[in-house]
Amino acid sequence: MSDPAVTSPNAPRTGIAFILFGVLCISVNDMLIKQLSEGYPLHQMVFFRSAIGIGITLVLLQFEGGFSTLRTRRPGLHLLRALLIVFSNMTFFSALAVMPLANATAVFFVAPLFITLLSIPVLGEQVGPRRIAAVIVGFLGVLVMLRPGVGLDHEGPGRWNLLLPLVAAAGYAGMQVLTRKLGAASRASAMAIYIQATFLLVSLAFYAVAGDGRYADGVSNESLVFLLRAWVWPAPQDIWLFGLLGLLSAGVGYALAQAYRLGNAATIAPFEYVALPLAIFWGWAIWGDLPDIWVLAGILLIAGSGLYVFLRERVRERPVARKSPVQR
């Protein structure tokens, strides 16, 4: 077991590469879950993707020290981290059942702003007034996209549905800050396995309570139906999609854990904005959805604020970077 007193590793460039790969996996995963949301319950998809994902991650674990690396002196924090991402995923995926992919993803992108703020008290990272101002601009972008009180007619999603990605973002931010805090003593594969195992247990609990679909009878809200629908065996043309969900789940769990282990949270978080154009692309290519002018304006605000945060981080770290040769 690694020494918990070890300082967190610092390899920001490698961390950025991992976050970009992880975001690509997340984008494809979200697209597939939205595509399958009309025919299968969420907890069934979570079970299959986690069962496959944990098998792949166990293989990765062997390259990072074997089963001994699963031992930890902070089981409570690891459990909290896993429960936060389970909560975040469940709420966000529920939003996908009733919202365009780009809109849900855009609202969710308050998460990197939360991460930047949480990195101050939880991790002790230095975030100056200029980056705080950029975070405020990003939050304004989220408000522009939400437009409270606008578009809440009877044909669209209800107010609480619009808040689902926002609530998911809070859980996700807490999970990633804990990833950085725990990453000094835990391998990425071990942290990914803790999460996959928690997903399995939660999905099995859903199956035990609501797997026959009895609680979905008479429910009209599509998000709740998605959560409570009965399990059904996947259609032949969908089986490979469930397998792909498992591969993506393994990629997401490992890549994101590595990214926030290797890099400063305020540096890594802005690169998650790559998911925004990807979500717009999937929404247009598959469902013919394009964000309106308000959503596009909000995307520009939060993407601009994220880019500014990244540029300020590079300026702040430049003197330190000169002390070491460039790694090729």
C-alpha atoms as a PDB file:
ATOM      1  CA  MET A   1       0.000   0.000   0.000  1.00  0.00           C
ATOM      2  CA  SER A   2       1.305   3.442  -0.882  1.00  0.00           C
ATOM      3  CA  ASP A   3       2.368   5.811   1.842  1.00  0.00           C
ATOM      4  CA  PRO A   4      -0.474   8.295   2.401  1.00  0.00           C
ATOM      5  CA  ALA A   5       2.047  10.988   3.257  1.00  0.00           C
ATOM      6  CA  VAL A   6       3.422  11.009  -0.287  1.00  0.00           C
ATOM      7  CA  THR A   7       3.053  14.334  -2.087  1.00  0.00           C
ATOM      8  CA  SER A   8       0.559  14.422  -4.954  1.00  0.00           C
ATOM      9  CA  PRO A   9       2.266  13.800  -8.323  1.00  0.00           C
ATOM     10  CA  ASN A  10       2.547  16.781 -10.649  1.00  0.00           C
ATOM     11  CA  ALA A  11       2.568  16.069 -14.391  1.00  0.00           C
ATOM     12  CA  PRO A  12       0.079  18.558 -15.858  1.00  0.00           C
ATOM     13  CA  ARG A  13       0.686  17.735 -19.529  1.00  0.00           C
ATOM     14  CA  THR A  14       0.016  14.048 -18.979  1.00  0.00           C
ATOM     15  CA  GLY A  15      -2.993  14.970 -16.871  1.00  0.00           C
ATOM     16  CA  ILE A  16      -4.359  17.101 -19.724  1.00  0.00           C
ATOM     17  CA  ALA A  17      -3.956  14.191 -22.163  1.00  0.00           C
ATOM     18  CA  PHE A  18      -5.876  11.922 -19.795  1.00  0.00           C
ATOM     19  CA  ILE A  19      -8.694  14.431 -19.292  1.00  0.00           C
ATOM     20  CA  LEU A  20      -9.131  14.865 -23.056  1.00  0.00           C
ATOM     21  CA  PHE A  21      -9.370  11.096 -23.544  1.00  0.00           C
ATOM     22  CA  GLY A  22     -11.754  10.820 -20.600  1.00  0.00           C
ATOM     23  CA  VAL A  23     -13.995  13.588 -21.947  1.00  0.00           C
ATOM     24  CA  LEU A  24     -14.204  11.848 -25.332  1.00  0.00           C
ATOM     25  CA  CYS A  25     -15.288   8.636 -23.584  1.00  0.00           C
ATOM     26  CA  ILE A  26     -17.846  10.566 -21.520  1.00  0.00           C
ATOM     27  CA  SER A  27     -19.304  12.213 -24.617  1.00  0.00           C
ATOM     28  CA  VAL A  28     -19.817   8.919 -26.451  1.00  0.00           C
ATOM     29  CA  ASN A  29     -21.155   7.324 -23.257  1.00  0.00           C
ATOM     30  CA  ASP A  30     -23.749  10.101 -22.783  1.00  0.00           C
ATOM     31  CA  MET A  31     -24.828   9.835 -26.397  1.00  0.00           C
ATOM     32  CA  LEU A  32     -25.347   6.068 -26.101  1.00  0.00           C
ATOM     33  CA  ILE A  33     -27.284   6.340 -22.831  1.00  0.00           C
ATOM     34  CA  LYS A  34     -29.603   8.954 -24.302  1.00  0.00           C
ATOM     35  CA  GLN A  35     -30.052   6.749 -27.376  1.00  0.00           C
ATOM     36  CA  LEU A  36     -30.978   3.742 -25.226  1.00  0.00           C
ATOM     37  CA  SER A  37     -33.033   5.651 -22.635  1.00  0.00           C
ATOM     38  CA  GLU A  38     -36.370   5.005 -24.365  1.00  0.00           C
ATOM     39  CA  GLY A  39     -36.105   1.223 -24.131  1.00  0.00           C
ATOM     40  CA  TYR A  40     -34.073   0.322 -21.029  1.00  0.00           C
ATOM     41  CA  PRO A  41     -33.939   1.444 -17.381  1.00  0.00           C
ATOM     42  CA  LEU A  42     -30.957   3.469 -16.232  1.00  0.00           C
ATOM     43  CA  HIS A  43     -29.957   1.027 -13.487  1.00  0.00           C
ATOM     44  CA  GLN A  44     -29.764  -1.809 -16.029  1.00  0.00           C
ATOM     45  CA  MET A  45     -27.363   0.159 -18.223  1.00  0.00           C
ATOM     46  CA  VAL A  46     -25.343   1.132 -15.157  1.00  0.00           C
ATOM     47  CA  PHE A  47     -25.075  -2.513 -14.105  1.00  0.00           C
ATOM     48  CA  PHE A  48     -23.856  -3.764 -17.489  1.00  0.00           C
ATOM     49  CA  ARG A  49     -21.390  -0.922 -18.042  1.00  0.00           C
ATOM     50  CA  SER A  50     -19.946  -1.296 -14.544  1.00  0.00           C
ATOM     51  CA  ALA A  51     -19.710  -5.094 -14.709  1.00  0.00           C
ATOM     52  CA  ILE A  52     -17.699  -4.854 -17.924  1.00  0.00           C
ATOM     53  CA  GLY A  53     -15.771  -1.800 -16.781  1.00  0.00           C
ATOM     54  CA  ILE A  54     -14.620  -3.337 -13.512  1.00  0.00           C
ATOM     55  CA  GLY A  55     -13.275  -6.388 -15.371  1.00  0.00           C
ATOM     56  CA  ILE A  56     -11.161  -4.192 -17.634  1.00  0.00           C
ATOM     57  CA  THR A  57      -9.994  -2.043 -14.741  1.00  0.00           C
ATOM     58  CA  LEU A  58      -8.901  -5.131 -12.800  1.00  0.00           C
ATOM     59  CA  VAL A  59      -6.527  -5.862 -15.674  1.00  0.00           C
ATOM     60  CA  LEU A  60      -5.136  -2.310 -15.471  1.00  0.00           C
ATOM     61  CA  LEU A  61      -4.737  -2.802 -11.729  1.00  0.00           C
ATOM     62  CA  GLN A  62      -2.180  -5.554 -12.346  1.00  0.00           C
ATOM     63  CA  PHE A  63       0.084  -3.026 -14.070  1.00  0.00           C
ATOM     64  CA  GLU A  64      -0.092  -0.628 -11.120  1.00  0.00           C
ATOM     65  CA  GLY A  65       0.835  -2.947  -8.270  1.00  0.00           C
ATOM     66  CA  GLY A  66      -1.817  -5.662  -8.187  1.00  0.00           C
ATOM     67  CA  PHE A  67      -4.557  -6.292  -5.647  1.00  0.00           C
ATOM     68  CA  SER A  68      -2.438  -4.975  -2.768  1.00  0.00           C
ATOM     69  CA  THR A  69      -3.032  -1.426  -4.053  1.00  0.00           C
ATOM     70  CA  LEU A  70      -6.733  -1.762  -3.200  1.00  0.00           C
ATOM     71  CA  ARG A  71      -5.900  -1.491   0.500  1.00  0.00           C
ATOM     72  CA  THR A  72      -6.427   2.006   1.824  1.00  0.00           C
ATOM     73  CA  ARG A  73      -6.264   3.852   5.114  1.00  0.00           C
ATOM     74  CA  ARG A  74      -9.057   6.205   4.026  1.00  0.00           C
ATOM     75  CA  PRO A  75     -11.986   3.938   3.169  1.00  0.00           C
ATOM     76  CA  GLY A  76     -14.512   6.537   4.299  1.00  0.00           C
ATOM     77  CA  LEU A  77     -13.272   9.187   1.847  1.00  0.00           C
ATOM     78  CA  HIS A  78     -13.110   6.643  -0.980  1.00  0.00           C
ATOM     79  CA  LEU A  79     -16.690   5.599  -0.247  1.00  0.00           C
ATOM     80  CA  LEU A  80     -17.807   9.239  -0.210  1.00  0.00           C
ATOM     81  CA  ARG A  81     -16.019   9.837  -3.532  1.00  0.00           C
ATOM     82  CA  ALA A  82     -17.728   6.819  -5.104  1.00  0.00           C
ATOM     83  CA  LEU A  83     -21.176   7.787  -3.798  1.00  0.00           C
ATOM     84  CA  LEU A  84     -20.737  11.329  -5.136  1.00  0.00           C
ATOM     85  CA  ILE A  85     -20.067  10.131  -8.681  1.00  0.00           C
ATOM     86  CA  VAL A  86     -22.930   7.614  -8.519  1.00  0.00           C
ATOM     87  CA  PHE A  87     -25.253  10.428  -7.436  1.00  0.00           C
ATOM     88  CA  SER A  88     -23.870  12.721 -10.132  1.00  0.00           C
ATOM     89  CA  ASN A  89     -24.248  10.170 -12.918  1.00  0.00           C
ATOM     90  CA  MET A  90     -27.753   9.123 -11.918  1.00  0.00           C
ATOM     91  CA  THR A  91     -29.029  12.698 -11.851  1.00  0.00           C
ATOM     92  CA  PHE A  92     -27.297  13.697 -15.089  1.00  0.00           C
ATOM     93  CA  PHE A  93     -28.436  10.601 -16.993  1.00  0.00           C
ATOM     94  CA  SER A  94     -31.976  11.234 -15.748  1.00  0.00           C
ATOM     95  CA  ALA A  95     -31.747  14.696 -17.324  1.00  0.00           C
ATOM     96  CA  LEU A  96     -30.711  13.173 -20.655  1.00  0.00           C
ATOM     97  CA  ALA A  97     -34.092  11.441 -20.888  1.00  0.00           C
ATOM     98  CA  VAL A  98     -35.893  14.797 -21.076  1.00  0.00           C
ATOM     99  CA  MET A  99     -33.349  17.330 -22.364  1.00  0.00           C
ATOM    100  CA  PRO A 100     -31.287  17.782 -25.542  1.00  0.00           C
ATOM    101  CA  LEU A 101     -27.775  16.428 -25.027  1.00  0.00           C
ATOM    102  CA  ALA A 102     -26.076  19.776 -25.670  1.00  0.00           C
ATOM    103  CA  ASN A 103     -28.339  21.639 -23.221  1.00  0.00           C
ATOM    104  CA  ALA A 104     -27.839  19.115 -20.414  1.00  0.00           C
ATOM    105  CA  THR A 105     -24.080  19.076 -20.996  1.00  0.00           C
ATOM    106  CA  ALA A 106     -23.929  22.875 -21.060  1.00  0.00           C
ATOM    107  CA  VAL A 107     -25.763  23.217 -17.732  1.00  0.00           C
ATOM    108  CA  PHE A 108     -23.548  20.503 -16.241  1.00  0.00           C
ATOM    109  CA  PHE A 109     -20.500  22.631 -16.986  1.00  0.00           C
ATOM    110  CA  VAL A 110     -20.861  24.514 -13.782  1.00  0.00           C
ATOM    111  CA  ALA A 111     -18.835  21.527 -12.485  1.00  0.00           C
ATOM    112  CA  PRO A 112     -15.359  22.785 -13.476  1.00  0.00           C
ATOM    113  CA  LEU A 113     -16.250  26.113 -11.867  1.00  0.00           C
ATOM    114  CA  PHE A 114     -17.217  24.291  -8.666  1.00  0.00           C
ATOM    115  CA  ILE A 115     -13.947  22.333  -8.868  1.00  0.00           C
ATOM    116  CA  THR A 116     -11.897  25.513  -9.109  1.00  0.00           C
ATOM    117  CA  LEU A 117     -13.663  26.955  -6.054  1.00  0.00           C
ATOM    118  CA  LEU A 118     -13.517  23.736  -4.006  1.00  0.00           C
ATOM    119  CA  SER A 119      -9.795  23.356  -4.716  1.00  0.00           C
ATOM    120  CA  ILE A 120      -9.201  26.365  -2.418  1.00  0.00           C
ATOM    121  CA  PRO A 121     -10.557  25.045   0.935  1.00  0.00           C
ATOM    122  CA  VAL A 122     -10.213  21.314   0.287  1.00  0.00           C
ATOM    123  CA  LEU A 123      -6.831  21.154  -1.460  1.00  0.00           C
ATOM    124  CA  GLY A 124      -5.286  24.414  -0.339  1.00  0.00           C
ATOM    125  CA  GLU A 125      -4.608  25.473  -3.946  1.00  0.00           C
ATOM    126  CA  GLN A 126      -4.009  29.138  -4.742  1.00  0.00           C
ATOM    127  CA  VAL A 127      -6.723  30.706  -6.925  1.00  0.00           C
ATOM    128  CA  GLY A 128      -6.261  34.438  -7.428  1.00  0.00           C
ATOM    129  CA  PRO A 129      -8.889  37.166  -7.854  1.00  0.00           C
ATOM    130  CA  ARG A 130      -8.663  37.116 -11.651  1.00  0.00           C
ATOM    131  CA  ARG A 131      -9.523  33.426 -11.790  1.00  0.00           C
ATOM    132  CA  ILE A 132     -12.302  33.983  -9.262  1.00  0.00           C
ATOM    133  CA  ALA A 133     -13.677  36.662 -11.602  1.00  0.00           C
ATOM    134  CA  ALA A 134     -13.489  34.182 -14.495  1.00  0.00           C
ATOM    135  CA  VAL A 135     -15.447  31.659 -12.423  1.00  0.00           C
ATOM    136  CA  ILE A 136     -18.145  34.283 -11.804  1.00  0.00           C
ATOM    137  CA  VAL A 137     -18.373  34.903 -15.557  1.00  0.00           C
ATOM    138  CA  GLY A 138     -18.755  31.169 -16.071  1.00  0.00           C
ATOM    139  CA  PHE A 139     -21.624  31.032 -13.586  1.00  0.00           C
ATOM    140  CA  LEU A 140     -23.295  33.874 -15.462  1.00  0.00           C
ATOM    141  CA  GLY A 141     -22.996  31.747 -18.581  1.00  0.00           C
ATOM    142  CA  VAL A 142     -24.835  28.925 -16.846  1.00  0.00           C
ATOM    143  CA  LEU A 143     -27.607  31.350 -15.859  1.00  0.00           C
ATOM    144  CA  VAL A 144     -27.879  32.540 -19.451  1.00  0.00           C
ATOM    145  CA  MET A 145     -28.380  28.933 -20.567  1.00  0.00           C
ATOM    146  CA  LEU A 146     -30.864  28.136 -17.795  1.00  0.00           C
ATOM    147  CA  ARG A 147     -32.850  31.370 -18.262  1.00  0.00           C
ATOM    148  CA  PRO A 148     -34.858  30.823 -15.038  1.00  0.00           C
ATOM    149  CA  GLY A 149     -38.573  31.098 -15.673  1.00  0.00           C
ATOM    150  CA  VAL A 150     -38.246  30.919 -19.463  1.00  0.00           C
ATOM    151  CA  GLY A 151     -39.327  27.939 -21.562  1.00  0.00           C
ATOM    152  CA  LEU A 152     -40.983  26.077 -18.703  1.00  0.00           C
ATOM    153  CA  ASP A 153     -44.247  25.431 -20.537  1.00  0.00           C
ATOM    154  CA  HIS A 154     -46.231  22.229 -20.217  1.00  0.00           C
ATOM    155  CA  GLU A 155     -44.639  20.718 -23.307  1.00  0.00           C
ATOM    156  CA  GLY A 156     -41.061  21.147 -22.120  1.00  0.00           C
ATOM    157  CA  PRO A 157     -39.164  19.715 -19.152  1.00  0.00           C
ATOM    158  CA  GLY A 158     -40.210  20.906 -15.719  1.00  0.00           C
ATOM    159  CA  ARG A 159     -38.132  23.253 -13.585  1.00  0.00           C
ATOM    160  CA  TRP A 160     -36.678  20.451 -11.478  1.00  0.00           C
ATOM    161  CA  ASN A 161     -35.611  18.585 -14.622  1.00  0.00           C
ATOM    162  CA  LEU A 162     -33.624  21.630 -15.715  1.00  0.00           C
ATOM    163  CA  LEU A 163     -31.853  21.620 -12.349  1.00  0.00           C
ATOM    164  CA  LEU A 164     -30.810  17.958 -12.591  1.00  0.00           C
ATOM    165  CA  PRO A 165     -27.549  18.667 -14.490  1.00  0.00           C
ATOM    166  CA  LEU A 166     -26.755  21.448 -12.011  1.00  0.00           C
ATOM    167  CA  VAL A 167     -27.172  19.087  -9.051  1.00  0.00           C
ATOM    168  CA  ALA A 168     -25.125  16.477 -10.909  1.00  0.00           C
ATOM    169  CA  ALA A 169     -22.359  19.037 -11.368  1.00  0.00           C
ATOM    170  CA  ALA A 170     -22.114  19.625  -7.621  1.00  0.00           C
ATOM    171  CA  GLY A 171     -21.653  15.907  -6.957  1.00  0.00           C
ATOM    172  CA  TYR A 172     -19.119  15.577  -9.773  1.00  0.00           C
ATOM    173  CA  ALA A 173     -17.055  18.509  -8.513  1.00  0.00           C
ATOM    174  CA  GLY A 174     -16.870  17.047  -5.023  1.00  0.00           C
ATOM    175  CA  MET A 175     -15.781  13.698  -6.466  1.00  0.00           C
ATOM    176  CA  GLN A 176     -12.957  15.211  -8.527  1.00  0.00           C
ATOM    177  CA  VAL A 177     -11.609  17.314  -5.689  1.00  0.00           C
ATOM    178  CA  LEU A 178     -11.482  14.169  -3.538  1.00  0.00           C
ATOM    179  CA  THR A 179      -9.682  12.428  -6.422  1.00  0.00           C
ATOM    180  CA  ARG A 180      -6.876  14.969  -6.172  1.00  0.00           C
ATOM    181  CA  LYS A 181      -6.818  14.702  -2.381  1.00  0.00           C
ATOM    182  CA  LEU A 182      -6.660  10.893  -2.398  1.00  0.00           C
ATOM    183  CA  GLY A 183      -4.469  10.546  -5.490  1.00  0.00           C
ATOM    184  CA  ALA A 184      -1.231  11.011  -3.555  1.00  0.00           C
ATOM    185  CA  ALA A 185      -1.684   7.597  -1.932  1.00  0.00           C
ATOM    186  CA  SER A 186      -3.992   5.702  -4.322  1.00  0.00           C
ATOM    187  CA  ARG A 187      -3.504   4.403  -7.851  1.00  0.00           C
ATOM    188  CA  ALA A 188      -5.906   5.504 -10.585  1.00  0.00           C
ATOM    189  CA  SER A 189      -6.959   1.899 -11.253  1.00  0.00           C
ATOM    190  CA  ALA A 190      -7.742   1.324  -7.561  1.00  0.00           C
ATOM    191  CA  MET A 191      -9.863   4.476  -7.348  1.00  0.00           C
ATOM    192  CA  ALA A 192     -11.677   3.455 -10.547  1.00  0.00           C
ATOM    193  CA  ILE A 193     -12.442   0.010  -9.097  1.00  0.00           C
ATOM    194  CA  TYR A 194     -13.913   1.547  -5.932  1.00  0.00           C
ATOM    195  CA  ILE A 195     -16.292   3.544  -8.140  1.00  0.00           C
ATOM    196  CA  GLN A 196     -17.207   0.637 -10.429  1.00  0.00           C
ATOM    197  CA  ALA A 197     -17.957  -1.565  -7.425  1.00  0.00           C
ATOM    198  CA  THR A 198     -20.202   1.124  -5.933  1.00  0.00           C
ATOM    199  CA  PHE A 199     -22.073   1.472  -9.227  1.00  0.00           C
ATOM    200  CA  LEU A 200     -22.629  -2.294  -9.264  1.00  0.00           C
ATOM    201  CA  LEU A 201     -23.987  -2.345  -5.727  1.00  0.00           C
ATOM    202  CA  VAL A 202     -26.301   0.629  -6.329  1.00  0.00           C
ATOM    203  CA  SER A 203     -27.645  -0.810  -9.589  1.00  0.00           C
ATOM    204  CA  LEU A 204     -28.290  -4.180  -7.935  1.00  0.00           C
ATOM    205  CA  ALA A 205     -30.125  -2.392  -5.121  1.00  0.00           C
ATOM    206  CA  PHE A 206     -32.290  -0.641  -7.724  1.00  0.00           C
ATOM    207  CA  TYR A 207     -32.987  -3.993  -9.360  1.00  0.00           C
ATOM    208  CA  ALA A 208     -33.956  -5.595  -6.052  1.00  0.00           C
ATOM    209  CA  VAL A 209     -36.397  -2.778  -5.250  1.00  0.00           C
ATOM    210  CA  ALA A 210     -37.717  -1.714  -8.649  1.00  0.00           C
ATOM    211  CA  GLY A 211     -36.370  -4.165 -11.226  1.00  0.00           C
ATOM    212  CA  ASP A 212     -39.832  -5.459 -12.143  1.00  0.00           C
ATOM    213  CA  GLY A 213     -41.026  -1.964 -13.063  1.00  0.00           C
ATOM    214  CA  ARG A 214     -43.854  -1.854 -10.509  1.00  0.00           C
ATOM    215  CA  TYR A 215     -43.021   1.699  -9.438  1.00  0.00           C
ATOM    216  CA  ALA A 216     -43.071   2.964 -13.028  1.00  0.00           C
ATOM    217  CA  ASP A 217     -46.791   2.236 -13.456  1.00  0.00           C
ATOM    218  CA  GLY A 218     -48.764   5.448 -13.727  1.00  0.00           C
ATOM    219  CA  VAL A 219     -45.651   7.659 -13.717  1.00  0.00           C
ATOM    220  CA  SER A 220     -45.658  10.288 -16.472  1.00  0.00           C
ATOM    221  CA  ASN A 221     -42.335  12.022 -15.829  1.00  0.00           C
ATOM    222  CA  GLU A 222     -39.832  10.623 -18.308  1.00  0.00           C
ATOM    223  CA  SER A 223     -36.859  10.993 -15.962  1.00  0.00           C
ATOM    224  CA  LEU A 224     -38.583   8.907 -13.272  1.00  0.00           C
ATOM    225  CA  VAL A 225     -39.723   6.338 -15.827  1.00  0.00           C
ATOM    226  CA  PHE A 226     -36.105   6.049 -16.969  1.00  0.00           C
ATOM    227  CA  LEU A 227     -35.070   5.306 -13.386  1.00  0.00           C
ATOM    228  CA  LEU A 228     -37.907   2.907 -12.548  1.00  0.00           C
ATOM    229  CA  ARG A 229     -38.591   1.060 -15.827  1.00  0.00           C
ATOM    230  CA  ALA A 230     -38.443  -2.774 -15.671  1.00  0.00           C
ATOM    231  CA  TRP A 231     -35.324  -4.646 -16.752  1.00  0.00           C
ATOM    232  CA  VAL A 232     -35.522  -6.267 -20.195  1.00  0.00           C
ATOM    233  CA  TRP A 233     -32.989  -8.369 -22.044  1.00  0.00           C
ATOM    234  CA  PRO A 234     -31.216  -6.194 -24.647  1.00  0.00           C
ATOM    235  CA  ALA A 235     -32.310  -6.576 -28.256  1.00  0.00           C
ATOM    236  CA  PRO A 236     -29.679  -8.258 -30.488  1.00  0.00           C
ATOM    237  CA  GLN A 237     -28.814  -4.963 -32.191  1.00  0.00           C
ATOM    238  CA  ASP A 238     -28.259  -3.302 -28.807  1.00  0.00           C
ATOM    239  CA  ILE A 239     -26.037  -5.907 -27.138  1.00  0.00           C
ATOM    240  CA  TRP A 240     -22.854  -4.476 -28.646  1.00  0.00           C
ATOM    241  CA  LEU A 241     -23.884  -1.013 -27.418  1.00  0.00           C
ATOM    242  CA  PHE A 242     -24.038  -2.337 -23.854  1.00  0.00           C
ATOM    243  CA  GLY A 243     -20.562  -3.784 -24.366  1.00  0.00           C
ATOM    244  CA  LEU A 244     -19.309  -0.442 -25.658  1.00  0.00           C
ATOM    245  CA  LEU A 245     -20.773   1.258 -22.587  1.00  0.00           C
ATOM    246  CA  GLY A 246     -18.631  -1.049 -20.450  1.00  0.00           C
ATOM    247  CA  LEU A 247     -15.462  -0.183 -22.391  1.00  0.00           C
ATOM    248  CA  LEU A 248     -16.219   3.508 -22.118  1.00  0.00           C
ATOM    249  CA  SER A 249     -16.928   3.180 -18.405  1.00  0.00           C
ATOM    250  CA  ALA A 250     -13.478   1.686 -17.834  1.00  0.00           C
ATOM    251  CA  GLY A 251     -11.869   4.434 -19.910  1.00  0.00           C
ATOM    252  CA  VAL A 252     -13.697   7.206 -18.067  1.00  0.00           C
ATOM    253  CA  GLY A 253     -12.971   5.869 -14.577  1.00  0.00           C
ATOM    254  CA  TYR A 254      -9.248   5.409 -15.209  1.00  0.00           C
ATOM    255  CA  ALA A 255      -8.611   8.519 -17.317  1.00  0.00           C
ATOM    256  CA  LEU A 256     -10.345  10.956 -14.985  1.00  0.00           C
ATOM    257  CA  ALA A 257      -8.687   9.493 -11.910  1.00  0.00           C
ATOM    258  CA  GLN A 258      -5.269   9.815 -13.564  1.00  0.00           C
ATOM    259  CA  ALA A 259      -5.957  13.338 -14.814  1.00  0.00           C
ATOM    260  CA  TYR A 260      -6.783  14.724 -11.376  1.00  0.00           C
ATOM    261  CA  ARG A 261      -3.982  12.758  -9.732  1.00  0.00           C
ATOM    262  CA  LEU A 262      -1.371  14.201 -12.078  1.00  0.00           C
ATOM    263  CA  GLY A 263      -2.473  17.801 -12.425  1.00  0.00           C
ATOM    264  CA  ASN A 264      -3.622  20.770 -10.415  1.00  0.00           C
ATOM    265  CA  ALA A 265      -7.433  20.749 -10.311  1.00  0.00           C
ATOM    266  CA  ALA A 266      -7.671  24.348 -11.540  1.00  0.00           C
ATOM    267  CA  THR A 267      -5.455  23.421 -14.524  1.00  0.00           C
ATOM    268  CA  ILE A 268      -7.190  20.190 -15.516  1.00  0.00           C
ATOM    269  CA  ALA A 269     -10.817  21.245 -15.067  1.00  0.00           C
ATOM    270  CA  PRO A 270     -11.076  23.749 -17.985  1.00  0.00           C
ATOM    271  CA  PHE A 271     -10.190  21.034 -20.508  1.00  0.00           C
ATOM    272  CA  GLU A 272     -13.462  19.321 -19.710  1.00  0.00           C
ATOM    273  CA  TYR A 273     -15.101  22.036 -21.827  1.00  0.00           C
ATOM    274  CA  VAL A 274     -14.155  19.986 -24.881  1.00  0.00           C
ATOM    275  CA  ALA A 275     -17.319  18.021 -24.106  1.00  0.00           C
ATOM    276  CA  LEU A 276     -19.448  21.004 -25.159  1.00  0.00           C
ATOM    277  CA  PRO A 277     -18.729  20.939 -28.916  1.00  0.00           C
ATOM    278  CA  LEU A 278     -18.854  17.144 -28.817  1.00  0.00           C
ATOM    279  CA  ALA A 279     -22.337  17.238 -27.262  1.00  0.00           C
ATOM    280  CA  ILE A 280     -23.494  19.743 -29.874  1.00  0.00           C
ATOM    281  CA  PHE A 281     -22.166  17.475 -32.620  1.00  0.00           C
ATOM    282  CA  TRP A 282     -23.906  14.329 -31.294  1.00  0.00           C
ATOM    283  CA  GLY A 283     -27.155  16.207 -30.749  1.00  0.00           C
ATOM    284  CA  TRP A 284     -27.112  17.508 -34.318  1.00  0.00           C
ATOM    285  CA  ALA A 285     -25.887  14.307 -35.990  1.00  0.00           C
ATOM    286  CA  ILE A 286     -28.275  11.887 -34.234  1.00  0.00           C
ATOM    287  CA  TRP A 287     -31.335  13.830 -33.068  1.00  0.00           C
ATOM    288  CA  GLY A 288     -31.208  16.941 -35.239  1.00  0.00           C
ATOM    289  CA  ASP A 289     -30.988  19.178 -32.156  1.00  0.00           C
ATOM    290  CA  LEU A 290     -29.118  22.457 -32.312  1.00  0.00           C
ATOM    291  CA  PRO A 291     -28.763  24.793 -29.312  1.00  0.00           C
ATOM    292  CA  ASP A 292     -30.506  28.158 -29.542  1.00  0.00           C
ATOM    293  CA  ILE A 293     -28.761  31.512 -29.328  1.00  0.00           C
ATOM    294  CA  TRP A 294     -29.042  31.625 -25.513  1.00  0.00           C
ATOM    295  CA  VAL A 295     -27.369  28.257 -25.050  1.00  0.00           C
ATOM    296  CA  LEU A 296     -24.623  29.231 -27.503  1.00  0.00           C
ATOM    297  CA  ALA A 297     -24.078  32.503 -25.628  1.00  0.00           C
ATOM    298  CA  GLY A 298     -23.794  30.618 -22.345  1.00  0.00           C
ATOM    299  CA  ILE A 299     -21.351  28.145 -23.861  1.00  0.00           C
ATOM    300  CA  LEU A 300     -19.143  31.015 -25.047  1.00  0.00           C
ATOM    301  CA  LEU A 301     -19.166  32.577 -21.573  1.00  0.00           C
ATOM    302  CA  ILE A 302     -18.182  29.434 -19.685  1.00  0.00           C
ATOM    303  CA  ALA A 303     -15.699  28.282 -22.338  1.00  0.00           C
ATOM    304  CA  GLY A 304     -14.111  31.732 -22.350  1.00  0.00           C
ATOM    305  CA  SER A 305     -13.886  31.798 -18.568  1.00  0.00           C
ATOM    306  CA  GLY A 306     -12.356  28.299 -18.558  1.00  0.00           C
ATOM    307  CA  LEU A 307      -9.740  29.306 -21.130  1.00  0.00           C
ATOM    308  CA  TYR A 308      -8.864  32.354 -19.056  1.00  0.00           C
ATOM    309  CA  VAL A 309      -8.461  30.219 -15.925  1.00  0.00           C
ATOM    310  CA  PHE A 310      -6.106  27.925 -17.850  1.00  0.00           C
ATOM    311  CA  LEU A 311      -4.044  30.839 -19.198  1.00  0.00           C
ATOM    312  CA  ARG A 312      -3.713  32.358 -15.721  1.00  0.00           C
ATOM    313  CA  GLU A 313      -2.574  28.982 -14.389  1.00  0.00           C
ATOM    314  CA  ARG A 314       0.155  28.775 -17.040  1.00  0.00           C
ATOM    315  CA  VAL A 315       1.351  32.299 -16.241  1.00  0.00           C
ATOM    316  CA  ARG A 316       1.450  31.477 -12.525  1.00  0.00           C
ATOM    317  CA  GLU A 317       3.465  28.269 -13.042  1.00  0.00           C
ATOM    318  CA  ARG A 318       5.853  29.537 -15.744  1.00  0.00           C
ATOM    319  CA  PRO A 319       8.754  30.429 -13.407  1.00  0.00           C
ATOM    320  CA  VAL A 320       8.601  26.965 -11.855  1.00  0.00           C
ATOM    321  CA  ALA A 321       8.509  25.284 -15.255  1.00  0.00           C
ATOM    322  CA  ARG A 322      11.793  26.928 -16.296  1.00  0.00           C
ATOM    323  CA  LYS A 323      13.652  25.118 -13.537  1.00  0.00           C
ATOM    324  CA  SER A 324      13.226  21.750 -15.229  1.00  0.00           C
ATOM    325  CA  PRO A 325      14.074  20.584 -18.765  1.00  0.00           C
ATOM    326  CA  VAL A 326      11.189  20.017 -21.142  1.00  0.00           C
ATOM    327  CA  GLN A 327      10.125  16.370 -21.181  1.00  0.00           C
ATOM    328  CA  ARG A 328       9.755  14.944 -24.692  1.00  0.00           C
END
